[in-house]
């Protein structure tokens, strides 16, 4: 039997193919080194991207920005897994 805590339906989205960019890598780097930015990214990704990190904004394509804003995750590892899943399924 599957408990409600162990089963989480996965949302699949179709987006235009994009590759991980330097901007996307910088978003993850900021989240890894700064707990406050990481929490902001997980709780309100739109706000996190708008405010940037240490006064620097992220250079993201519209598709990358839309993807990041669409993610709902409880942890940075879950966030990264979802990003990698979408990027990996665009081939």
C-alpha atoms as a PDB file:
ATOM      1  CA  UNK A   1       0.000   0.000   0.000  1.00  0.00           C
ATOM      2  CA  UNK A   2       1.247   3.479  -0.856  1.00  0.00           C
ATOM      3  CA  UNK A   3       0.791   6.070   1.831  1.00  0.00           C
ATOM      4  CA  UNK A   4      -0.136   9.630   0.925  1.00  0.00           C
ATOM      5  CA  UNK A   5       3.262  10.759   2.207  1.00  0.00           C
ATOM      6  CA  UNK A   6       5.242   8.525  -0.126  1.00  0.00           C
ATOM      7  CA  UNK A   7       3.260   9.119  -3.314  1.00  0.00           C
ATOM      8  CA  UNK A   8       3.629  12.464  -5.015  1.00  0.00           C
ATOM      9  CA  UNK A   9       2.299  12.815  -8.546  1.00  0.00           C
ATOM     10  CA  UNK A  10       4.800  14.300 -10.966  1.00  0.00           C
ATOM     11  CA  UNK A  11       3.844  17.221 -13.142  1.00  0.00           C
ATOM     12  CA  UNK A  12       5.225  16.932 -16.641  1.00  0.00           C
ATOM     13  CA  UNK A  13       5.645  20.046 -18.722  1.00  0.00           C
ATOM     14  CA  UNK A  14       6.554  20.474 -22.338  1.00  0.00           C
ATOM     15  CA  UNK A  15       8.901  23.393 -22.878  1.00  0.00           C
ATOM     16  CA  UNK A  16      11.102  24.474 -25.726  1.00  0.00           C
ATOM     17  CA  UNK A  17      14.537  22.824 -25.599  1.00  0.00           C
ATOM     18  CA  UNK A  18      17.057  24.723 -23.519  1.00  0.00           C
ATOM     19  CA  UNK A  19      20.464  23.843 -22.216  1.00  0.00           C
ATOM     20  CA  UNK A  20      21.863  24.715 -18.835  1.00  0.00           C
ATOM     21  CA  UNK A  21      23.392  28.158 -19.141  1.00  0.00           C
ATOM     22  CA  UNK A  22      25.899  30.073 -17.117  1.00  0.00           C
ATOM     23  CA  UNK A  23      22.967  32.010 -15.611  1.00  0.00           C
ATOM     24  CA  UNK A  24      21.290  28.811 -14.484  1.00  0.00           C
ATOM     25  CA  UNK A  25      24.563  27.586 -12.989  1.00  0.00           C
ATOM     26  CA  UNK A  26      24.924  30.883 -11.124  1.00  0.00           C
ATOM     27  CA  UNK A  27      21.432  30.518  -9.638  1.00  0.00           C
ATOM     28  CA  UNK A  28      22.423  27.123  -8.228  1.00  0.00           C
ATOM     29  CA  UNK A  29      25.790  28.405  -7.020  1.00  0.00           C
ATOM     30  CA  UNK A  30      24.095  31.249  -5.129  1.00  0.00           C
ATOM     31  CA  UNK A  31      21.622  28.805  -3.569  1.00  0.00           C
ATOM     32  CA  UNK A  32      24.420  26.481  -2.467  1.00  0.00           C
ATOM     33  CA  UNK A  33      26.510  29.163  -0.772  1.00  0.00           C
ATOM     34  CA  UNK A  34      23.703  31.207   0.783  1.00  0.00           C
ATOM     35  CA  UNK A  35      20.955  29.612   2.854  1.00  0.00           C
ATOM     36  CA  UNK A  36      18.780  32.746   2.750  1.00  0.00           C
ATOM     37  CA  UNK A  37      18.861  32.915  -1.058  1.00  0.00           C
ATOM     38  CA  UNK A  38      18.184  29.169  -1.221  1.00  0.00           C
ATOM     39  CA  UNK A  39      15.080  29.504   0.962  1.00  0.00           C
ATOM     40  CA  UNK A  40      13.888  32.451  -1.103  1.00  0.00           C
ATOM     41  CA  UNK A  41      14.403  30.440  -4.307  1.00  0.00           C
ATOM     42  CA  UNK A  42      12.379  27.540  -2.907  1.00  0.00           C
ATOM     43  CA  UNK A  43       9.596  29.677  -1.428  1.00  0.00           C
ATOM     44  CA  UNK A  44       9.266  32.379  -4.092  1.00  0.00           C
ATOM     45  CA  UNK A  45      11.467  31.734  -7.127  1.00  0.00           C
ATOM     46  CA  UNK A  46      10.109  34.745  -9.003  1.00  0.00           C
ATOM     47  CA  UNK A  47      11.092  37.083  -6.160  1.00  0.00           C
ATOM     48  CA  UNK A  48      14.498  35.413  -5.812  1.00  0.00           C
ATOM     49  CA  UNK A  49      15.265  35.905  -9.503  1.00  0.00           C
ATOM     50  CA  UNK A  50      14.007  39.502  -9.489  1.00  0.00           C
ATOM     51  CA  UNK A  51      16.235  40.425  -6.541  1.00  0.00           C
ATOM     52  CA  UNK A  52      19.294  38.467  -7.607  1.00  0.00           C
ATOM     53  CA  UNK A  53      22.168  37.679  -5.280  1.00  0.00           C
ATOM     54  CA  UNK A  54      24.539  40.230  -3.744  1.00  0.00           C
ATOM     55  CA  UNK A  55      23.234  42.919  -6.074  1.00  0.00           C
ATOM     56  CA  UNK A  56      23.796  40.861  -9.220  1.00  0.00           C
ATOM     57  CA  UNK A  57      20.914  39.605 -11.336  1.00  0.00           C
ATOM     58  CA  UNK A  58      20.972  36.351 -13.263  1.00  0.00           C
ATOM     59  CA  UNK A  59      21.207  36.287 -17.049  1.00  0.00           C
ATOM     60  CA  UNK A  60      18.523  33.762 -17.937  1.00  0.00           C
ATOM     61  CA  UNK A  61      16.541  33.098 -21.068  1.00  0.00           C
ATOM     62  CA  UNK A  62      12.769  33.480 -20.862  1.00  0.00           C
ATOM     63  CA  UNK A  63      12.494  29.674 -20.976  1.00  0.00           C
ATOM     64  CA  UNK A  64      14.937  29.252 -18.076  1.00  0.00           C
ATOM     65  CA  UNK A  65      13.147  31.879 -16.025  1.00  0.00           C
ATOM     66  CA  UNK A  66       9.758  30.261 -16.716  1.00  0.00           C
ATOM     67  CA  UNK A  67      11.130  26.848 -15.787  1.00  0.00           C
ATOM     68  CA  UNK A  68      12.621  28.055 -12.496  1.00  0.00           C
ATOM     69  CA  UNK A  69       9.433  29.903 -11.543  1.00  0.00           C
ATOM     70  CA  UNK A  70       7.340  26.799 -12.284  1.00  0.00           C
ATOM     71  CA  UNK A  71       9.291  24.525  -9.922  1.00  0.00           C
ATOM     72  CA  UNK A  72       7.826  23.677  -6.524  1.00  0.00           C
ATOM     73  CA  UNK A  73      10.372  21.936  -4.331  1.00  0.00           C
ATOM     74  CA  UNK A  74      11.036  21.405  -0.642  1.00  0.00           C
ATOM     75  CA  UNK A  75      14.820  21.218  -0.952  1.00  0.00           C
ATOM     76  CA  UNK A  76      17.572  22.385  -3.275  1.00  0.00           C
ATOM     77  CA  UNK A  77      18.300  18.798  -4.280  1.00  0.00           C
ATOM     78  CA  UNK A  78      14.650  18.307  -5.263  1.00  0.00           C
ATOM     79  CA  UNK A  79      14.747  21.618  -7.135  1.00  0.00           C
ATOM     80  CA  UNK A  80      17.854  20.501  -9.059  1.00  0.00           C
ATOM     81  CA  UNK A  81      16.326  17.096  -9.767  1.00  0.00           C
ATOM     82  CA  UNK A  82      13.253  18.698 -11.313  1.00  0.00           C
ATOM     83  CA  UNK A  83      15.346  21.084 -13.427  1.00  0.00           C
ATOM     84  CA  UNK A  84      17.547  18.198 -14.629  1.00  0.00           C
ATOM     85  CA  UNK A  85      14.476  16.092 -15.389  1.00  0.00           C
ATOM     86  CA  UNK A  86      13.004  18.777 -17.650  1.00  0.00           C
ATOM     87  CA  UNK A  87      16.316  19.557 -19.339  1.00  0.00           C
ATOM     88  CA  UNK A  88      17.079  15.860 -19.800  1.00  0.00           C
ATOM     89  CA  UNK A  89      13.724  15.135 -21.435  1.00  0.00           C
ATOM     90  CA  UNK A  90      14.071  17.774 -24.115  1.00  0.00           C
ATOM     91  CA  UNK A  91      16.293  15.740 -26.396  1.00  0.00           C
END
